[in-house]
C-alpha atoms as a PDB file:
ATOM      1  CA  MET A   1      17.824  25.760 -20.748  1.00  0.00           C
ATOM      2  CA  ILE A   2      14.356  26.181 -22.309  1.00  0.00           C
ATOM      3  CA  THR A   3      11.789  23.386 -20.998  1.00  0.00           C
ATOM      4  CA  SER A   4      10.805  21.456 -24.331  1.00  0.00           C
ATOM      5  CA  THR A   5       6.574  22.090 -24.887  1.00  0.00           C
ATOM      6  CA  ARG A   6       6.602  17.998 -24.507  1.00  0.00           C
ATOM      7  CA  ALA A   7       7.665  17.852 -21.237  1.00  0.00           C
ATOM      8  CA  VAL A   8       5.495  20.927 -20.410  1.00  0.00           C
ATOM      9  CA  ASP A   9       2.218  18.802 -21.875  1.00  0.00           C
ATOM     10  CA  ALA A  10       3.496  15.448 -19.798  1.00  0.00           C
ATOM     11  CA  GLU A  11       4.031  18.048 -16.757  1.00  0.00           C
ATOM     12  CA  SER A  12       0.501  18.988 -17.294  1.00  0.00           C
ATOM     13  CA  ARG A  13      -0.944  15.637 -17.911  1.00  0.00           C
ATOM     14  CA  LYS A  14       0.407  14.138 -14.365  1.00  0.00           C
ATOM     15  CA  LEU A  15      -0.825  16.549 -12.674  1.00  0.00           C
ATOM     16  CA  ARG A  16      -4.030  16.593 -14.128  1.00  0.00           C
ATOM     17  CA  ALA A  17      -4.116  12.732 -13.641  1.00  0.00           C
ATOM     18  CA  GLU A  18      -3.320  13.505 -10.022  1.00  0.00           C
ATOM     19  CA  GLN A  19      -5.811  15.869  -9.607  1.00  0.00           C
ATOM     20  CA  ILE A  20      -8.494  13.395 -10.586  1.00  0.00           C
ATOM     21  CA  MET A  21      -7.124  10.782  -8.450  1.00  0.00           C
ATOM     22  CA  ASP A  22      -7.324  13.183  -5.158  1.00  0.00           C
ATOM     23  CA  ALA A  23     -10.673  14.026  -6.481  1.00  0.00           C
ATOM     24  CA  ALA A  24     -11.677  10.165  -6.413  1.00  0.00           C
ATOM     25  CA  ALA A  25      -9.987   9.268  -3.134  1.00  0.00           C
ATOM     26  CA  GLU A  26     -12.109  12.121  -1.463  1.00  0.00           C
ATOM     27  CA  LEU A  27     -15.191  10.318  -2.870  1.00  0.00           C
ATOM     28  CA  LEU A  28     -14.448   7.220  -2.071  1.00  0.00           C
ATOM     29  CA  LEU A  29     -13.959   7.437   1.508  1.00  0.00           C
ATOM     30  CA  LYS A  30     -17.063   9.408   1.734  1.00  0.00           C
ATOM     31  CA  TRP A  31     -19.522   7.714  -0.103  1.00  0.00           C
ATOM     32  CA  GLY A  32     -17.810   4.716  -0.629  1.00  0.00           C
ATOM     33  CA  TYR A  33     -17.261   2.896  -4.034  1.00  0.00           C
ATOM     34  CA  ALA A  34     -20.924   1.520  -4.766  1.00  0.00           C
ATOM     35  CA  LYS A  35     -22.133   5.496  -4.662  1.00  0.00           C
ATOM     36  CA  VAL A  36     -18.903   7.263  -6.609  1.00  0.00           C
ATOM     37  CA  THR A  37     -19.632   7.665 -10.066  1.00  0.00           C
ATOM     38  CA  ILE A  38     -17.173   8.941 -12.801  1.00  0.00           C
ATOM     39  CA  ASP A  39     -19.764  12.426 -13.259  1.00  0.00           C
ATOM     40  CA  ASP A  40     -18.966  12.731  -9.270  1.00  0.00           C
ATOM     41  CA  VAL A  41     -15.240  12.673  -9.807  1.00  0.00           C
ATOM     42  CA  ALA A  42     -15.313  15.036 -12.720  1.00  0.00           C
ATOM     43  CA  ARG A  43     -17.607  17.723 -10.842  1.00  0.00           C
ATOM     44  CA  GLN A  44     -15.491  17.082  -7.611  1.00  0.00           C
ATOM     45  CA  ALA A  45     -12.044  17.815 -10.089  1.00  0.00           C
ATOM     46  CA  GLY A  46     -13.466  20.398 -11.743  1.00  0.00           C
ATOM     47  CA  ILE A  47     -13.178  19.104 -15.483  1.00  0.00           C
ATOM     48  CA  GLY A  48     -15.438  17.570 -18.080  1.00  0.00           C
ATOM     49  CA  LYS A  49     -15.892  13.663 -17.657  1.00  0.00           C
ATOM     50  CA  GLY A  50     -14.547  12.982 -20.961  1.00  0.00           C
ATOM     51  CA  THR A  51     -11.257  14.234 -19.526  1.00  0.00           C
ATOM     52  CA  ILE A  52     -11.299  11.289 -17.212  1.00  0.00           C
ATOM     53  CA  TYR A  53     -11.218   8.786 -20.090  1.00  0.00           C
ATOM     54  CA  LEU A  54      -8.400  10.195 -21.515  1.00  0.00           C
ATOM     55  CA  HIS A  55      -6.658   8.520 -18.416  1.00  0.00           C
ATOM     56  CA  TRP A  56      -8.383   5.467 -17.474  1.00  0.00           C
ATOM     57  CA  LYS A  57     -10.363   3.350 -19.614  1.00  0.00           C
ATOM     58  CA  ASN A  58     -12.989   2.874 -16.898  1.00  0.00           C
ATOM     59  CA  ARG A  59     -14.344   3.634 -13.356  1.00  0.00           C
ATOM     60  CA  GLU A  60     -12.786   0.488 -11.781  1.00  0.00           C
ATOM     61  CA  GLU A  61      -9.419   1.675 -13.561  1.00  0.00           C
ATOM     62  CA  LEU A  62      -9.487   4.912 -11.956  1.00  0.00           C
ATOM     63  CA  PHE A  63     -10.017   3.383  -8.383  1.00  0.00           C
ATOM     64  CA  TYR A  64      -7.452   0.992  -8.312  1.00  0.00           C
ATOM     65  CA  SER A  65      -4.578   3.663  -9.710  1.00  0.00           C
ATOM     66  CA  VAL A  66      -6.360   5.364  -6.695  1.00  0.00           C
ATOM     67  CA  ILE A  67      -5.413   2.555  -4.276  1.00  0.00           C
ATOM     68  CA  LEU A  68      -2.265   1.545  -6.217  1.00  0.00           C
ATOM     69  CA  ARG A  69      -1.078   5.371  -5.646  1.00  0.00           C
ATOM     70  CA  GLU A  70      -1.468   4.639  -1.814  1.00  0.00           C
ATOM     71  CA  GLN A  71       0.106   1.679  -1.659  1.00  0.00           C
ATOM     72  CA  LEU A  72       3.269   2.938  -3.567  1.00  0.00           C
ATOM     73  CA  ALA A  73       3.960   5.575  -1.528  1.00  0.00           C
ATOM     74  CA  ALA A  74       3.536   3.610   1.485  1.00  0.00           C
ATOM     75  CA  VAL A  75       6.331   1.374   0.053  1.00  0.00           C
ATOM     76  CA  GLU A  76       8.564   4.391  -0.957  1.00  0.00           C
ATOM     77  CA  GLU A  77       8.486   5.342   2.715  1.00  0.00           C
ATOM     78  CA  GLN A  78       9.227   2.245   3.550  1.00  0.00           C
ATOM     79  CA  MET A  79      12.334   1.799   1.618  1.00  0.00           C
ATOM     80  CA  GLU A  80      13.680   5.500   2.505  1.00  0.00           C
ATOM     81  CA  ALA A  81      13.412   4.169   6.060  1.00  0.00           C
ATOM     82  CA  MET A  82      15.427   1.150   5.490  1.00  0.00           C
ATOM     83  CA  ARG A  83      17.755   2.700   3.490  1.00  0.00           C
ATOM     84  CA  ARG A  84      18.923   5.006   6.669  1.00  0.00           C
ATOM     85  CA  ASP A  85      19.017   2.327   8.641  1.00  0.00           C
ATOM     86  CA  PRO A  86      19.182  -1.528   8.391  1.00  0.00           C
ATOM     87  CA  ARG A  87      17.414  -2.334  11.373  1.00  0.00           C
ATOM     88  CA  GLU A  88      13.995  -0.888   9.411  1.00  0.00           C
ATOM     89  CA  THR A  89      14.383  -4.105   7.543  1.00  0.00           C
ATOM     90  CA  LEU A  90      13.733  -6.114  10.081  1.00  0.00           C
ATOM     91  CA  LEU A  91      10.045  -7.806  10.619  1.00  0.00           C
ATOM     92  CA  HIS A  92       8.824  -5.648  13.241  1.00  0.00           C
ATOM     93  CA  ARG A  93       9.842  -2.791  11.978  1.00  0.00           C
ATOM     94  CA  ILE A  94       8.049  -3.298   8.900  1.00  0.00           C
ATOM     95  CA  CYS A  95       4.845  -4.341  10.607  1.00  0.00           C
ATOM     96  CA  ARG A  96       5.399  -1.015  12.356  1.00  0.00           C
ATOM     97  CA  MET A  97       5.783   1.173   9.393  1.00  0.00           C
ATOM     98  CA  LYS A  98       2.843  -0.377   7.511  1.00  0.00           C
ATOM     99  CA  ALA A  99       0.896   0.307  10.734  1.00  0.00           C
ATOM    100  CA  VAL A 100       1.633   3.696  10.604  1.00  0.00           C
ATOM    101  CA  ALA A 101       1.085   3.884   7.050  1.00  0.00           C
ATOM    102  CA  ALA A 102      -2.468   2.645   7.532  1.00  0.00           C
ATOM    103  CA  LEU A 103      -3.095   4.840  10.162  1.00  0.00           C
ATOM    104  CA  ARG A 104      -1.989   7.851   8.050  1.00  0.00           C
ATOM    105  CA  ARG A 105      -3.560   6.504   5.133  1.00  0.00           C
ATOM    106  CA  PRO A 106      -7.334   5.602   5.630  1.00  0.00           C
ATOM    107  CA  LEU A 107      -7.485   4.334   2.126  1.00  0.00           C
ATOM    108  CA  LEU A 108      -5.113   1.580   3.188  1.00  0.00           C
ATOM    109  CA  LYS A 109      -6.138   1.220   5.965  1.00  0.00           C
ATOM    110  CA  ALA A 110      -9.715   0.265   4.346  1.00  0.00           C
ATOM    111  CA  VAL A 111      -7.958  -2.156   1.994  1.00  0.00           C
ATOM    112  CA  VAL A 112      -6.276  -4.083   5.013  1.00  0.00           C
ATOM    113  CA  ALA A 113      -9.471  -4.314   6.926  1.00  0.00           C
ATOM    114  CA  SER A 114     -11.087  -5.353   4.208  1.00  0.00           C
ATOM    115  CA  ASP A 115     -13.526  -2.486   4.376  1.00  0.00           C
ATOM    116  CA  LEU A 116     -16.764  -3.210   1.953  1.00  0.00           C
ATOM    117  CA  GLU A 117     -18.516  -0.342   3.279  1.00  0.00           C
ATOM    118  CA  VAL A 118     -15.596   2.155   1.712  1.00  0.00           C
ATOM    119  CA  LEU A 119     -14.369  -0.424  -1.109  1.00  0.00           C
ATOM    120  CA  GLY A 120     -17.127  -2.378  -2.025  1.00  0.00           C
ATOM    121  CA  ARG A 121     -16.867  -4.644  -5.168  1.00  0.00           C
ATOM    122  CA  LEU A 122     -13.573  -2.871  -5.835  1.00  0.00           C
ATOM    123  CA  MET A 123     -11.827  -5.050  -3.004  1.00  0.00           C
ATOM    124  CA  LYS A 124     -13.028  -8.462  -5.272  1.00  0.00           C
ATOM    125  CA  SER A 125     -11.168  -6.770  -8.022  1.00  0.00           C
ATOM    126  CA  LEU A 126      -8.249  -5.853  -5.665  1.00  0.00           C
ATOM    127  CA  THR A 127      -7.947  -8.811  -4.197  1.00  0.00           C
ATOM    128  CA  ALA A 128      -7.881 -10.912  -7.793  1.00  0.00           C
ATOM    129  CA  THR A 129      -5.681  -8.677  -9.120  1.00  0.00           C
ATOM    130  CA  ASP A 130      -1.734  -9.426  -9.961  1.00  0.00           C
ATOM    131  CA  LEU A 131      -0.775  -6.385  -7.105  1.00  0.00           C
ATOM    132  CA  ALA A 132      -2.621  -8.849  -4.679  1.00  0.00           C
ATOM    133  CA  ARG A 133      -0.342 -11.948  -5.802  1.00  0.00           C
ATOM    134  CA  LEU A 134       2.684  -9.601  -6.009  1.00  0.00           C
ATOM    135  CA  VAL A 135       2.236  -8.603  -1.960  1.00  0.00           C
ATOM    136  CA  GLY A 136       2.086 -12.283  -1.031  1.00  0.00           C
ATOM    137  CA  THR A 137       5.336 -13.389  -3.348  1.00  0.00           C
ATOM    138  CA  VAL A 138       7.340 -10.233  -1.836  1.00  0.00           C
ATOM    139  CA  SER A 139       6.417 -11.592   1.223  1.00  0.00           C
ATOM    140  CA  LEU A 140       7.200 -15.338   0.790  1.00  0.00           C
ATOM    141  CA  GLU A 141      10.784 -13.803  -0.320  1.00  0.00           C
ATOM    142  CA  TYR A 142      11.423 -11.316   2.218  1.00  0.00           C
ATOM    143  CA  PHE A 143      10.291 -13.910   5.065  1.00  0.00           C
ATOM    144  CA  GLN A 144      12.914 -16.185   3.643  1.00  0.00           C
ATOM    145  CA  LEU A 145      15.278 -13.548   3.390  1.00  0.00           C
ATOM    146  CA  LEU A 146      15.269 -13.123   7.631  1.00  0.00           C
ATOM    147  CA  ILE A 147      15.152 -16.827   8.036  1.00  0.00           C
ATOM    148  CA  ASP A 148      18.543 -17.486   5.981  1.00  0.00           C
ATOM    149  CA  HIS A 149      19.892 -14.543   7.915  1.00  0.00           C
ATOM    150  CA  LYS A 150      18.432 -16.400  11.322  1.00  0.00           C
ATOM    151  CA  LEU A 151      16.663 -13.004  12.041  1.00  0.00           C
ATOM    152  CA  ILE A 152      13.198 -14.533  12.251  1.00  0.00           C
ATOM    153  CA  ARG A 153      12.289 -17.804  13.747  1.00  0.00           C
ATOM    154  CA  GLY A 154      12.568 -20.603  10.904  1.00  0.00           C
ATOM    155  CA  ASP A 155      10.968 -23.516  12.759  1.00  0.00           C
ATOM    156  CA  LEU A 156       7.194 -22.960  11.338  1.00  0.00           C
ATOM    157  CA  PRO A 157       5.585 -23.784   7.722  1.00  0.00           C
ATOM    158  CA  MET A 158       5.785 -20.765   5.354  1.00  0.00           C
ATOM    159  CA  ASN A 159       1.996 -20.835   5.502  1.00  0.00           C
ATOM    160  CA  GLU A 160       1.651 -20.581   9.092  1.00  0.00           C
ATOM    161  CA  LEU A 161       4.084 -17.817   9.422  1.00  0.00           C
ATOM    162  CA  LEU A 162       2.168 -15.739   6.515  1.00  0.00           C
ATOM    163  CA  TYR A 163      -0.859 -16.385   9.126  1.00  0.00           C
ATOM    164  CA  GLY A 164       0.208 -15.631  12.346  1.00  0.00           C
ATOM    165  CA  ILE A 165       1.859 -12.511  10.862  1.00  0.00           C
ATOM    166  CA  GLY A 166      -0.776 -11.327   9.300  1.00  0.00           C
ATOM    167  CA  ALA A 167      -3.319 -11.996  11.880  1.00  0.00           C
ATOM    168  CA  VAL A 168      -1.414 -10.115  14.467  1.00  0.00           C
ATOM    169  CA  THR A 169      -0.911  -7.030  12.203  1.00  0.00           C
ATOM    170  CA  ILE A 170      -4.430  -6.808  10.531  1.00  0.00           C
ATOM    171  CA  GLY A 171      -5.729  -7.619  14.124  1.00  0.00           C
ATOM    172  CA  PHE A 172      -3.920  -4.133  15.802  1.00  0.00           C
ATOM    173  CA  VAL A 173      -4.882  -1.863  12.729  1.00  0.00           C
ATOM    174  CA  ALA A 174      -8.834  -3.181  11.562  1.00  0.00           C
ATOM    175  CA  GLY A 175      -9.705  -4.384  15.414  1.00  0.00           C
ATOM    176  CA  ASP A 176     -10.827  -0.658  17.083  1.00  0.00           C
ATOM    177  CA  GLN A 177     -14.623  -1.600  15.667  1.00  0.00           C
ATOM    178  CA  TYR A 178     -14.819  -5.138  17.895  1.00  0.00           C
ATOM    179  CA  LEU A 179     -12.616  -4.368  20.654  1.00  0.00           C
ATOM    180  CA  GLY A 180     -13.168  -0.926  22.036  1.00  0.00           C
ATOM    181  CA  ALA A 181     -16.245  -2.157  24.065  1.00  0.00           C
ATOM    182  CA  PHE A 182     -13.448  -3.734  26.395  1.00  0.00           C
ATOM    183  CA  GLY A 183     -12.633  -0.681  28.630  1.00  0.00           C
ATOM    184  CA  GLY A 184     -11.817   1.354  25.387  1.00  0.00           C
ATOM    185  CA  LEU A 185      -9.269   1.463  23.102  1.00  0.00           C
ATOM    186  CA  PRO A 186      -5.320   2.734  23.643  1.00  0.00           C
ATOM    187  CA  SER A 187      -3.811   5.500  21.778  1.00  0.00           C
ATOM    188  CA  PRO A 188      -3.062   4.825  18.303  1.00  0.00           C
ATOM    189  CA  GLU A 189       0.660   4.977  19.012  1.00  0.00           C
ATOM    190  CA  LYS A 190       0.545   2.338  22.073  1.00  0.00           C
ATOM    191  CA  ARG A 191      -1.824   0.102  19.416  1.00  0.00           C
ATOM    192  CA  ILE A 192       1.437   0.127  17.134  1.00  0.00           C
ATOM    193  CA  ALA A 193       3.761  -0.347  20.152  1.00  0.00           C
ATOM    194  CA  LEU A 194       1.767  -3.028  21.243  1.00  0.00           C
ATOM    195  CA  MET A 195       1.683  -4.802  17.275  1.00  0.00           C
ATOM    196  CA  GLU A 196       5.610  -4.293  16.965  1.00  0.00           C
ATOM    197  CA  GLU A 197       6.461  -5.668  20.674  1.00  0.00           C
ATOM    198  CA  ALA A 198       4.105  -8.773  19.950  1.00  0.00           C
ATOM    199  CA  VAL A 199       5.672  -9.540  16.534  1.00  0.00           C
ATOM    200  CA  GLU A 200       9.259  -8.865  17.921  1.00  0.00           C
ATOM    201  CA  ARG A 201       8.786 -11.183  20.523  1.00  0.00           C
ATOM    202  CA  THR A 202       6.891 -14.089  18.955  1.00  0.00           C
ATOM    203  CA  TYR A 203       8.605 -14.467  15.722  1.00  0.00           C
ATOM    204  CA  GLY A 204      11.934 -12.137  15.473  1.00  0.00           C
ATOM    205  CA  LEU A 205      15.414 -13.437  16.595  1.00  0.00           C
ATOM    206  CA  PRO A 206      18.377 -10.709  18.376  1.00  0.00           C
ATOM    207  CA  PRO A 207      19.969  -9.600  15.015  1.00  0.00           C
ATOM    208  CA  THR A 208      23.645  -9.202  14.599  1.00  0.00           C
ATOM    209  CA  GLU A 209      24.998  -6.551  13.118  1.00  0.00           C
ATOM    210  CA  GLU A 210      26.735  -8.875  10.118  1.00  0.00           C
ATOM    211  CA  ALA A 211      23.283 -10.098   9.433  1.00  0.00           C
ATOM    212  CA  LEU A 212      21.734  -6.642   9.198  1.00  0.00           C
ATOM    213  CA  GLU A 213      24.544  -5.475   6.732  1.00  0.00           C
ATOM    214  CA  LYS A 214      24.152  -8.428   4.317  1.00  0.00           C
ATOM    215  CA  VAL A 215      20.046  -8.569   4.783  1.00  0.00           C
ATOM    216  CA  ALA A 216      19.151  -4.975   4.298  1.00  0.00           C
ATOM    217  CA  PRO A 217      20.740  -4.561   0.381  1.00  0.00           C
ATOM    218  CA  ALA A 218      18.956  -7.567  -0.456  1.00  0.00           C
ATOM    219  CA  VAL A 219      15.403  -6.762   0.834  1.00  0.00           C
ATOM    220  CA  ILE A 220      15.443  -3.194  -0.595  1.00  0.00           C
ATOM    221  CA  ALA A 221      16.269  -4.514  -3.792  1.00  0.00           C
ATOM    222  CA  LEU A 222      13.760  -7.144  -3.362  1.00  0.00           C
ATOM    223  CA  PHE A 223      11.221  -4.362  -3.036  1.00  0.00           C
ATOM    224  CA  GLU A 224      12.677  -1.947  -5.593  1.00  0.00           C
ATOM    225  CA  THR A 225      12.438  -4.680  -8.409  1.00  0.00           C
ATOM    226  CA  SER A 226       8.801  -6.113  -7.267  1.00  0.00           C
ATOM    227  CA  TRP A 227       7.511  -2.625  -7.300  1.00  0.00           C
ATOM    228  CA  GLN A 228       9.009  -1.239 -10.855  1.00  0.00           C
ATOM    229  CA  SER A 229       6.165  -2.657 -12.735  1.00  0.00           C
ATOM    230  CA  TYR A 230       3.605  -0.883 -10.311  1.00  0.00           C
ATOM    231  CA  ARG A 231       5.338   2.225 -11.063  1.00  0.00           C
ATOM    232  CA  ASP A 232       5.121   2.002 -14.452  1.00  0.00           C
ATOM    233  CA  TYR A 233       1.376   1.158 -14.496  1.00  0.00           C
ATOM    234  CA  LEU A 234       0.635   4.187 -12.382  1.00  0.00           C
ATOM    235  CA  SER A 235       2.903   6.427 -14.705  1.00  0.00           C
ATOM    236  CA  GLY A 236       0.740   5.085 -17.634  1.00  0.00           C
ATOM    237  CA  ALA A 237      -2.220   7.083 -16.257  1.00  0.00           C
ATOM    238  CA  TYR A 238      -0.499   9.994 -17.353  1.00  0.00           C
ATOM    239  CA  ARG A 239      -0.570   9.462 -20.579  1.00  0.00           C
ATOM    240  CA  THR A 240      -3.550  11.107 -22.760  1.00  0.00           C
ATOM    241  CA  ASP A 241      -2.832   8.367 -26.214  1.00  0.00           C
ATOM    242  CA  LYS A 242      -5.249   5.533 -24.421  1.00  0.00           C
ATOM    243  CA  GLY A 243      -9.004   4.284 -25.736  1.00  0.00           C
ATOM    244  CA  ALA A 244     -11.965   4.917 -23.409  1.00  0.00           C
ATOM    245  CA  SER A 245     -14.986   2.506 -22.464  1.00  0.00           C
ATOM    246  CA  GLU A 246     -17.523   2.776 -20.189  1.00  0.00           C
END
């Protein structure tokens, strides 16, 4: 079957957008958001500045897409793991996967740690977006599913539950700079194991096979549905039919 010209063009645009985001991500980690310009990204990607504006209206949209791509990739990995093993929907396993993703993906770690040196003013934009609200909403629905199926404690107000789990997981991912002076840090693998154990012991309840069979499809569906609009948003970056502005 002969591939249509339109399909080839669409694939070419997608590859070019990925190339631009790769360049932007590399510079973001190297120099920080405040210092990286569209000109810098264009040079790094080996393209003209105007080509970037075919995909994104401005610098903030470009870097928002870079962060979103990292988060979506981590979510896809989580869902794949949950499809293979229902136990991966348990709270301590979800937290473990998030921590592993953050260690493997420096941009995600910067977001989790609110690293202003890397993200700068972009961090304020990220926390004010619908994306931040989505993460909070999904967390609420996810925790409620686990409570309903007696897979985590149900004796705490939801705000206390959210705060406690957030404090534990963020502390293990982002606490290196504060805790390294106390005799040296454990290995990344050991830190993740300690975090997983802390979450399970503090908030988890012994799972039954029946509960896992019921909750796993619901959690996967929640993730799938909730993140679809952001897949669509990122797909929009692959098109070249949008206007541009400085």
